């Protein structure tokens, strides 16, 4: 195993050579491309999820609506996309 230390963006990291099954590597690389992120970030996140029992240490996305006038509609679950669409169609 080849390892060395590097400094990227003020983060200390370890560079390691890993052997993956070809299909798994291609899937991971394609998924990283879909997400628009480097393969390294995808693999880091996958290892963190595995080590922490499948629970992300930080949310990947937090929806915080910007309300310029008015107030949020009572009873709307902002995390439920289908309910949001239904409520929007009711007003139209």
PDB file of N, CA and C in Angstrom:
ATOM      1  N   UNK A   1       0.843  -1.175   0.000  1.00  0.00           N
ATOM      2  CA  UNK A   1       0.000   0.000   0.000  1.00  0.00           C
ATOM      3  C   UNK A   1       0.891   1.242   0.000  1.00  0.00           C
ATOM      4  N   UNK A   2       0.621   2.132  -0.901  1.00  0.00           N
ATOM      5  CA  UNK A   2       1.386   3.362  -1.033  1.00  0.00           C
ATOM      6  C   UNK A   2       0.693   4.459  -0.238  1.00  0.00           C
ATOM      7  N   UNK A   3       1.405   5.064   0.697  1.00  0.00           N
ATOM      8  CA  UNK A   3       0.811   6.161   1.471  1.00  0.00           C
ATOM      9  C   UNK A   3       1.804   7.301   1.568  1.00  0.00           C
ATOM     10  N   UNK A   4       1.273   8.497   1.605  1.00  0.00           N
ATOM     11  CA  UNK A   4       2.080   9.670   1.889  1.00  0.00           C
ATOM     12  C   UNK A   4       1.145  10.750   2.416  1.00  0.00           C
ATOM     13  N   UNK A   5       1.698  11.808   2.928  1.00  0.00           N
ATOM     14  CA  UNK A   5       0.893  12.907   3.450  1.00  0.00           C
ATOM     15  C   UNK A   5       0.878  14.032   2.437  1.00  0.00           C
ATOM     16  N   UNK A   6      -0.243  14.739   2.386  1.00  0.00           N
ATOM     17  CA  UNK A   6      -0.348  15.878   1.487  1.00  0.00           C
ATOM     18  C   UNK A   6      -1.135  16.972   2.186  1.00  0.00           C
ATOM     19  N   UNK A   7      -0.976  18.176   1.700  1.00  0.00           N
ATOM     20  CA  UNK A   7      -1.736  19.294   2.239  1.00  0.00           C
ATOM     21  C   UNK A   7      -2.530  19.894   1.090  1.00  0.00           C
ATOM     22  N   UNK A   8      -3.857  19.826   1.196  1.00  0.00           N
ATOM     23  CA  UNK A   8      -4.751  20.381   0.194  1.00  0.00           C
ATOM     24  C   UNK A   8      -5.753  21.292   0.886  1.00  0.00           C
ATOM     25  N   UNK A   9      -5.866  22.515   0.427  1.00  0.00           N
ATOM     26  CA  UNK A   9      -6.836  23.458   0.984  1.00  0.00           C
ATOM     27  C   UNK A   9      -6.738  23.526   2.497  1.00  0.00           C
ATOM     28  N   UNK A  10      -5.544  23.527   3.011  1.00  0.00           N
ATOM     29  CA  UNK A  10      -5.266  23.620   4.436  1.00  0.00           C
ATOM     30  C   UNK A  10      -5.737  22.415   5.234  1.00  0.00           C
ATOM     31  N   UNK A  11      -6.158  21.336   4.571  1.00  0.00           N
ATOM     32  CA  UNK A  11      -6.554  20.104   5.247  1.00  0.00           C
ATOM     33  C   UNK A  11      -5.397  19.120   5.166  1.00  0.00           C
ATOM     34  N   UNK A  12      -5.149  18.404   6.242  1.00  0.00           N
ATOM     35  CA  UNK A  12      -4.131  17.370   6.239  1.00  0.00           C
ATOM     36  C   UNK A  12      -4.808  16.082   5.794  1.00  0.00           C
ATOM     37  N   UNK A  13      -4.263  15.419   4.808  1.00  0.00           N
ATOM     38  CA  UNK A  13      -4.886  14.196   4.319  1.00  0.00           C
ATOM     39  C   UNK A  13      -3.825  13.132   4.098  1.00  0.00           C
ATOM     40  N   UNK A  14      -4.278  11.891   3.953  1.00  0.00           N
ATOM     41  CA  UNK A  14      -3.385  10.789   3.652  1.00  0.00           C
ATOM     42  C   UNK A  14      -3.764  10.261   2.281  1.00  0.00           C
ATOM     43  N   UNK A  15      -2.813  10.094   1.434  1.00  0.00           N
ATOM     44  CA  UNK A  15      -3.045   9.561   0.096  1.00  0.00           C
ATOM     45  C   UNK A  15      -2.776   8.065   0.166  1.00  0.00           C
ATOM     46  N   UNK A  16      -3.734   7.271  -0.312  1.00  0.00           N
ATOM     47  CA  UNK A  16      -3.641   5.826  -0.234  1.00  0.00           C
ATOM     48  C   UNK A  16      -4.077   5.207  -1.546  1.00  0.00           C
ATOM     49  N   UNK A  17      -3.424   4.163  -1.961  1.00  0.00           N
ATOM     50  CA  UNK A  17      -3.831   3.419  -3.145  1.00  0.00           C
ATOM     51  C   UNK A  17      -4.722   2.272  -2.706  1.00  0.00           C
ATOM     52  N   UNK A  18      -5.907   2.180  -3.310  1.00  0.00           N
ATOM     53  CA  UNK A  18      -6.859   1.116  -2.984  1.00  0.00           C
ATOM     54  C   UNK A  18      -7.188   0.339  -4.248  1.00  0.00           C
ATOM     55  N   UNK A  19      -7.495  -0.941  -4.094  1.00  0.00           N
ATOM     56  CA  UNK A  19      -7.923  -1.778  -5.215  1.00  0.00           C
ATOM     57  C   UNK A  19      -9.418  -2.031  -5.084  1.00  0.00           C
ATOM     58  N   UNK A  20     -10.183  -1.600  -6.089  1.00  0.00           N
ATOM     59  CA  UNK A  20     -11.626  -1.815  -6.132  1.00  0.00           C
ATOM     60  C   UNK A  20     -11.958  -2.778  -7.269  1.00  0.00           C
ATOM     61  N   UNK A  21     -13.091  -3.479  -7.133  1.00  0.00           N
ATOM     62  CA  UNK A  21     -13.598  -4.248  -8.266  1.00  0.00           C
ATOM     63  C   UNK A  21     -13.913  -3.235  -9.371  1.00  0.00           C
ATOM     64  N   UNK A  22     -13.669  -3.623 -10.601  1.00  0.00           N
ATOM     65  CA  UNK A  22     -13.859  -2.706 -11.729  1.00  0.00           C
ATOM     66  C   UNK A  22     -15.267  -2.129 -11.778  1.00  0.00           C
ATOM     67  N   UNK A  23     -16.286  -2.982 -11.642  1.00  0.00           N
ATOM     68  CA  UNK A  23     -17.668  -2.497 -11.715  1.00  0.00           C
ATOM     69  C   UNK A  23     -17.984  -1.519 -10.589  1.00  0.00           C
ATOM     70  N   UNK A  24     -17.517  -1.808  -9.384  1.00  0.00           N
ATOM     71  CA  UNK A  24     -17.765  -0.919  -8.250  1.00  0.00           C
ATOM     72  C   UNK A  24     -17.092   0.434  -8.473  1.00  0.00           C
ATOM     73  N   UNK A  25     -15.889   0.400  -8.983  1.00  0.00           N
ATOM     74  CA  UNK A  25     -15.171   1.645  -9.245  1.00  0.00           C
ATOM     75  C   UNK A  25     -15.900   2.483 -10.298  1.00  0.00           C
ATOM     76  N   UNK A  26     -16.358   1.825 -11.380  1.00  0.00           N
ATOM     77  CA  UNK A  26     -17.073   2.554 -12.436  1.00  0.00           C
ATOM     78  C   UNK A  26     -18.377   3.155 -11.902  1.00  0.00           C
ATOM     79  N   UNK A  27     -19.100   2.392 -11.061  1.00  0.00           N
ATOM     80  CA  UNK A  27     -20.343   2.912 -10.473  1.00  0.00           C
ATOM     81  C   UNK A  27     -20.066   4.124  -9.592  1.00  0.00           C
ATOM     82  N   UNK A  28     -19.039   4.030  -8.765  1.00  0.00           N
ATOM     83  CA  UNK A  28     -18.694   5.136  -7.867  1.00  0.00           C
ATOM     84  C   UNK A  28     -18.277   6.368  -8.662  1.00  0.00           C
ATOM     85  N   UNK A  29     -17.492   6.155  -9.691  1.00  0.00           N
ATOM     86  CA  UNK A  29     -17.024   7.273 -10.515  1.00  0.00           C
ATOM     87  C   UNK A  29     -18.198   7.942 -11.232  1.00  0.00           C
ATOM     88  N   UNK A  30     -19.131   7.131 -11.742  1.00  0.00           N
ATOM     89  CA  UNK A  30     -20.313   7.671 -12.423  1.00  0.00           C
ATOM     90  C   UNK A  30     -21.195   8.442 -11.444  1.00  0.00           C
ATOM     91  N   UNK A  31     -21.358   7.903 -10.241  1.00  0.00           N
ATOM     92  CA  UNK A  31     -22.194   8.581  -9.239  1.00  0.00           C
ATOM     93  C   UNK A  31     -21.562   9.900  -8.835  1.00  0.00           C
ATOM     94  N   UNK A  32     -20.268   9.939  -8.649  1.00  0.00           N
ATOM     95  CA  UNK A  32     -19.581  11.182  -8.308  1.00  0.00           C
ATOM     96  C   UNK A  32     -19.787  12.210  -9.419  1.00  0.00           C
ATOM     97  N   UNK A  33     -19.726  11.769 -10.668  1.00  0.00           N
ATOM     98  CA  UNK A  33     -19.941  12.678 -11.796  1.00  0.00           C
ATOM     99  C   UNK A  33     -21.368  13.208 -11.790  1.00  0.00           C
ATOM    100  N   UNK A  34     -22.346  12.339 -11.494  1.00  0.00           N
ATOM    101  CA  UNK A  34     -23.751  12.774 -11.408  1.00  0.00           C
ATOM    102  C   UNK A  34     -23.916  13.854 -10.345  1.00  0.00           C
ATOM    103  N   UNK A  35     -23.230  13.694  -9.234  1.00  0.00           N
ATOM    104  CA  UNK A  35     -23.326  14.649  -8.129  1.00  0.00           C
ATOM    105  C   UNK A  35     -22.456  15.879  -8.338  1.00  0.00           C
ATOM    106  N   UNK A  36     -21.583  15.812  -9.344  1.00  0.00           N
ATOM    107  CA  UNK A  36     -20.698  16.937  -9.611  1.00  0.00           C
ATOM    108  C   UNK A  36     -19.637  17.126  -8.550  1.00  0.00           C
ATOM    109  N   UNK A  37     -19.152  16.028  -8.011  1.00  0.00           N
ATOM    110  CA  UNK A  37     -18.129  16.105  -6.973  1.00  0.00           C
ATOM    111  C   UNK A  37     -16.990  15.149  -7.289  1.00  0.00           C
ATOM    112  N   UNK A  38     -15.829  15.385  -6.701  1.00  0.00           N
ATOM    113  CA  UNK A  38     -14.709  14.471  -6.940  1.00  0.00           C
ATOM    114  C   UNK A  38     -14.988  13.085  -6.352  1.00  0.00           C
ATOM    115  N   UNK A  39     -14.444  12.075  -6.974  1.00  0.00           N
ATOM    116  CA  UNK A  39     -14.597  10.705  -6.482  1.00  0.00           C
ATOM    117  C   UNK A  39     -14.116  10.588  -5.037  1.00  0.00           C
ATOM    118  N   UNK A  40     -13.054  11.295  -4.702  1.00  0.00           N
ATOM    119  CA  UNK A  40     -12.521  11.250  -3.333  1.00  0.00           C
ATOM    120  C   UNK A  40     -13.576  11.661  -2.311  1.00  0.00           C
ATOM    121  N   UNK A  41     -14.328  12.751  -2.584  1.00  0.00           N
ATOM    122  CA  UNK A  41     -15.356  13.210  -1.635  1.00  0.00           C
ATOM    123  C   UNK A  41     -16.452  12.170  -1.475  1.00  0.00           C
ATOM    124  N   UNK A  42     -16.865  11.544  -2.596  1.00  0.00           N
ATOM    125  CA  UNK A  42     -17.899  10.518  -2.528  1.00  0.00           C
ATOM    126  C   UNK A  42     -17.432   9.340  -1.677  1.00  0.00           C
ATOM    127  N   UNK A  43     -16.187   8.899  -1.888  1.00  0.00           N
ATOM    128  CA  UNK A  43     -15.661   7.767  -1.127  1.00  0.00           C
ATOM    129  C   UNK A  43     -15.489   8.118   0.350  1.00  0.00           C
ATOM    130  N   UNK A  44     -15.045   9.329   0.644  1.00  0.00           N
ATOM    131  CA  UNK A  44     -14.926   9.755   2.049  1.00  0.00           C
ATOM    132  C   UNK A  44     -16.286   9.697   2.740  1.00  0.00           C
ATOM    133  N   UNK A  45     -17.311  10.217   2.061  1.00  0.00           N
ATOM    134  CA  UNK A  45     -18.652  10.224   2.644  1.00  0.00           C
ATOM    135  C   UNK A  45     -19.162   8.803   2.844  1.00  0.00           C
ATOM    136  N   UNK A  46     -18.905   7.925   1.872  1.00  0.00           N
ATOM    137  CA  UNK A  46     -19.350   6.532   1.981  1.00  0.00           C
ATOM    138  C   UNK A  46     -18.684   5.833   3.163  1.00  0.00           C
ATOM    139  N   UNK A  47     -17.393   6.054   3.355  1.00  0.00           N
ATOM    140  CA  UNK A  47     -16.685   5.430   4.479  1.00  0.00           C
ATOM    141  C   UNK A  47     -17.207   5.985   5.802  1.00  0.00           C
ATOM    142  N   UNK A  48     -17.434   7.308   5.856  1.00  0.00           N
ATOM    143  CA  UNK A  48     -17.988   7.894   7.092  1.00  0.00           C
ATOM    144  C   UNK A  48     -19.344   7.292   7.424  1.00  0.00           C
ATOM    145  N   UNK A  49     -20.209   7.165   6.419  1.00  0.00           N
ATOM    146  CA  UNK A  49     -21.533   6.573   6.642  1.00  0.00           C
ATOM    147  C   UNK A  49     -21.407   5.142   7.151  1.00  0.00           C
ATOM    148  N   UNK A  50     -20.506   4.392   6.566  1.00  0.00           N
ATOM    149  CA  UNK A  50     -20.302   3.007   6.988  1.00  0.00           C
ATOM    150  C   UNK A  50     -19.806   2.940   8.429  1.00  0.00           C
ATOM    151  N   UNK A  51     -18.840   3.766   8.755  1.00  0.00           N
ATOM    152  CA  UNK A  51     -18.260   3.739  10.101  1.00  0.00           C
ATOM    153  C   UNK A  51     -19.215   4.242  11.170  1.00  0.00           C
ATOM    154  N   UNK A  52     -20.156   5.106  10.805  1.00  0.00           N
ATOM    155  CA  UNK A  52     -21.078   5.686  11.780  1.00  0.00           C
ATOM    156  C   UNK A  52     -22.452   5.028  11.715  1.00  0.00           C
ATOM    157  N   UNK A  53     -22.515   3.816  11.215  1.00  0.00           N
ATOM    158  CA  UNK A  53     -23.760   3.072  11.218  1.00  0.00           C
ATOM    159  C   UNK A  53     -24.807   3.584  10.243  1.00  0.00           C
ATOM    160  N   UNK A  54     -24.384   4.182   9.149  1.00  0.00           N
ATOM    161  CA  UNK A  54     -25.329   4.636   8.157  1.00  0.00           C
ATOM    162  C   UNK A  54     -25.977   5.965   8.464  1.00  0.00           C
ATOM    163  N   UNK A  55     -25.533   6.629   9.517  1.00  0.00           N
ATOM    164  CA  UNK A  55     -26.098   7.927   9.872  1.00  0.00           C
ATOM    165  C   UNK A  55     -25.102   9.026   9.515  1.00  0.00           C
ATOM    166  N   UNK A  56     -25.506   9.936   8.620  1.00  0.00           N
ATOM    167  CA  UNK A  56     -24.577  11.015   8.267  1.00  0.00           C
ATOM    168  C   UNK A  56     -24.285  11.897   9.471  1.00  0.00           C
ATOM    169  N   UNK A  57     -23.045  12.350   9.569  1.00  0.00           N
ATOM    170  CA  UNK A  57     -22.662  13.201  10.693  1.00  0.00           C
ATOM    171  C   UNK A  57     -23.194  14.610  10.545  1.00  0.00           C
ATOM    172  N   UNK A  58     -23.489  15.003   9.323  1.00  0.00           N
ATOM    173  CA  UNK A  58     -24.048  16.324   9.080  1.00  0.00           C
ATOM    174  C   UNK A  58     -25.039  16.219   7.930  1.00  0.00           C
ATOM    175  N   UNK A  59     -26.083  17.016   7.945  1.00  0.00           N
ATOM    176  CA  UNK A  59     -27.060  16.918   6.861  1.00  0.00           C
ATOM    177  C   UNK A  59     -26.429  17.333   5.536  1.00  0.00           C
ATOM    178  N   UNK A  60     -26.805  16.638   4.471  1.00  0.00           N
ATOM    179  CA  UNK A  60     -26.272  16.984   3.167  1.00  0.00           C
ATOM    180  C   UNK A  60     -27.025  18.160   2.556  1.00  0.00           C
ATOM    181  N   UNK A  61     -28.260  18.376   3.027  1.00  0.00           N
ATOM    182  CA  UNK A  61     -29.041  19.489   2.513  1.00  0.00           C
ATOM    183  C   UNK A  61     -30.031  19.932   3.581  1.00  0.00           C
ATOM    184  N   UNK A  62     -30.119  21.206   3.801  1.00  0.00           N
ATOM    185  CA  UNK A  62     -31.082  21.756   4.750  1.00  0.00           C
ATOM    186  C   UNK A  62     -31.893  22.809   4.020  1.00  0.00           C
ATOM    187  N   UNK A  63     -33.206  22.591   3.921  1.00  0.00           N
ATOM    188  CA  UNK A  63     -34.076  23.524   3.234  1.00  0.00           C
ATOM    189  C   UNK A  63     -34.525  24.591   4.223  1.00  0.00           C
ATOM    190  N   UNK A  64     -34.173  25.824   3.943  1.00  0.00           N
ATOM    191  CA  UNK A  64     -34.589  26.956   4.767  1.00  0.00           C
ATOM    192  C   UNK A  64     -35.242  27.978   3.836  1.00  0.00           C
ATOM    193  N   UNK A  65     -36.579  27.952   3.744  1.00  0.00           N
ATOM    194  CA  UNK A  65     -37.242  28.843   2.801  1.00  0.00           C
ATOM    195  C   UNK A  65     -37.047  30.307   3.172  1.00  0.00           C
ATOM    196  N   UNK A  66     -36.874  31.132   2.161  1.00  0.00           N
ATOM    197  CA  UNK A  66     -36.751  32.565   2.355  1.00  0.00           C
ATOM    198  C   UNK A  66     -38.135  33.164   2.144  1.00  0.00           C
ATOM    199  N   UNK A  67     -38.692  33.754   3.179  1.00  0.00           N
ATOM    200  CA  UNK A  67     -40.028  34.328   3.105  1.00  0.00           C
ATOM    201  C   UNK A  67     -39.881  35.832   3.220  1.00  0.00           C
ATOM    202  N   UNK A  68     -40.202  36.524   2.133  1.00  0.00           N
ATOM    203  CA  UNK A  68     -40.040  37.978   2.115  1.00  0.00           C
ATOM    204  C   UNK A  68     -41.270  38.701   2.636  1.00  0.00           C
ATOM    205  N   UNK A  69     -42.433  38.149   2.410  1.00  0.00           N
ATOM    206  CA  UNK A  69     -43.649  38.753   2.943  1.00  0.00           C
ATOM    207  C   UNK A  69     -44.606  37.628   3.294  1.00  0.00           C
ATOM    208  N   UNK A  70     -45.456  37.883   4.213  1.00  0.00           N
ATOM    209  CA  UNK A  70     -46.378  36.845   4.643  1.00  0.00           C
ATOM    210  C   UNK A  70     -45.747  35.953   5.693  1.00  0.00           C
ATOM    211  N   UNK A  71     -46.286  34.768   5.810  1.00  0.00           N
ATOM    212  CA  UNK A  71     -45.778  33.816   6.796  1.00  0.00           C
ATOM    213  C   UNK A  71     -45.933  32.404   6.248  1.00  0.00           C
ATOM    214  N   UNK A  72     -45.216  31.445   6.806  1.00  0.00           N
ATOM    215  CA  UNK A  72     -45.352  30.064   6.328  1.00  0.00           C
ATOM    216  C   UNK A  72     -46.777  29.560   6.536  1.00  0.00           C
ATOM    217  N   UNK A  73     -47.246  28.743   5.633  1.00  0.00           N
ATOM    218  CA  UNK A  73     -48.573  28.155   5.756  1.00  0.00           C
ATOM    219  C   UNK A  73     -48.541  27.081   6.828  1.00  0.00           C
ATOM    220  N   UNK A  74     -49.468  27.176   7.751  1.00  0.00           N
ATOM    221  CA  UNK A  74     -49.535  26.196   8.845  1.00  0.00           C
ATOM    222  C   UNK A  74     -49.813  24.809   8.283  1.00  0.00           C
ATOM    223  N   UNK A  75     -49.192  23.817   8.865  1.00  0.00           N
ATOM    224  CA  UNK A  75     -49.441  22.431   8.483  1.00  0.00           C
ATOM    225  C   UNK A  75     -48.689  21.953   7.254  1.00  0.00           C
ATOM    226  N   UNK A  76     -47.784  22.759   6.721  1.00  0.00           N
ATOM    227  CA  UNK A  76     -47.015  22.350   5.546  1.00  0.00           C
ATOM    228  C   UNK A  76     -45.706  21.730   6.015  1.00  0.00           C
ATOM    229  N   UNK A  77     -45.465  20.510   5.553  1.00  0.00           N
ATOM    230  CA  UNK A  77     -44.209  19.819   5.864  1.00  0.00           C
ATOM    231  C   UNK A  77     -43.226  20.138   4.743  1.00  0.00           C
ATOM    232  N   UNK A  78     -42.247  20.983   5.021  1.00  0.00           N
ATOM    233  CA  UNK A  78     -41.296  21.433   4.003  1.00  0.00           C
ATOM    234  C   UNK A  78     -40.427  20.299   3.484  1.00  0.00           C
ATOM    235  N   UNK A  79     -40.345  19.191   4.202  1.00  0.00           N
ATOM    236  CA  UNK A  79     -39.530  18.057   3.774  1.00  0.00           C
ATOM    237  C   UNK A  79     -40.300  17.098   2.869  1.00  0.00           C
ATOM    238  N   UNK A  80     -41.611  17.321   2.684  1.00  0.00           N
ATOM    239  CA  UNK A  80     -42.429  16.423   1.874  1.00  0.00           C
ATOM    240  C   UNK A  80     -42.764  17.111   0.553  1.00  0.00           C
ATOM    241  N   UNK A  81     -42.000  16.798  -0.472  1.00  0.00           N
ATOM    242  CA  UNK A  81     -42.130  17.450  -1.774  1.00  0.00           C
ATOM    243  C   UNK A  81     -43.515  17.268  -2.372  1.00  0.00           C
ATOM    244  N   UNK A  82     -44.079  16.052  -2.279  1.00  0.00           N
ATOM    245  CA  UNK A  82     -45.391  15.790  -2.881  1.00  0.00           C
ATOM    246  C   UNK A  82     -46.477  16.642  -2.234  1.00  0.00           C
ATOM    247  N   UNK A  83     -46.450  16.771  -0.910  1.00  0.00           N
ATOM    248  CA  UNK A  83     -47.433  17.605  -0.218  1.00  0.00           C
ATOM    249  C   UNK A  83     -47.275  19.066  -0.621  1.00  0.00           C
ATOM    250  N   UNK A  84     -46.042  19.521  -0.772  1.00  0.00           N
ATOM    251  CA  UNK A  84     -45.818  20.904  -1.209  1.00  0.00           C
ATOM    252  C   UNK A  84     -46.435  21.139  -2.581  1.00  0.00           C
ATOM    253  N   UNK A  85     -46.225  20.218  -3.514  1.00  0.00           N
ATOM    254  CA  UNK A  85     -46.797  20.368  -4.856  1.00  0.00           C
ATOM    255  C   UNK A  85     -48.326  20.383  -4.791  1.00  0.00           C
ATOM    256  N   UNK A  86     -48.902  19.501  -3.978  1.00  0.00           N
ATOM    257  CA  UNK A  86     -50.365  19.483  -3.839  1.00  0.00           C
ATOM    258  C   UNK A  86     -50.889  20.817  -3.315  1.00  0.00           C
ATOM    259  N   UNK A  87     -50.218  21.367  -2.311  1.00  0.00           N
ATOM    260  CA  UNK A  87     -50.650  22.644  -1.739  1.00  0.00           C
ATOM    261  C   UNK A  87     -50.520  23.774  -2.753  1.00  0.00           C
ATOM    262  N   UNK A  88     -49.466  23.756  -3.575  1.00  0.00           N
ATOM    263  CA  UNK A  88     -49.286  24.793  -4.582  1.00  0.00           C
ATOM    264  C   UNK A  88     -50.372  24.700  -5.652  1.00  0.00           C
ATOM    265  N   UNK A  89     -50.758  23.472  -6.016  1.00  0.00           N
ATOM    266  CA  UNK A  89     -51.798  23.302  -7.035  1.00  0.00           C
ATOM    267  C   UNK A  89     -53.169  23.740  -6.522  1.00  0.00           C
ATOM    268  N   UNK A  90     -53.404  23.609  -5.214  1.00  0.00           N
ATOM    269  CA  UNK A  90     -54.678  24.048  -4.633  1.00  0.00           C
ATOM    270  C   UNK A  90     -54.895  25.544  -4.832  1.00  0.00           C
ATOM    271  N   UNK A  91     -53.808  26.305  -4.791  1.00  0.00           N
ATOM    272  CA  UNK A  91     -53.901  27.776  -4.904  1.00  0.00           C
ATOM    273  C   UNK A  91     -54.085  28.233  -6.335  1.00  0.00           C
ATOM    274  N   UNK A  92     -53.675  27.400  -7.307  1.00  0.00           N
ATOM    275  CA  UNK A  92     -53.700  27.792  -8.709  1.00  0.00           C
ATOM    276  C   UNK A  92     -55.049  27.740  -9.281  1.00  0.00           C
TER     277      UNK A  92
END
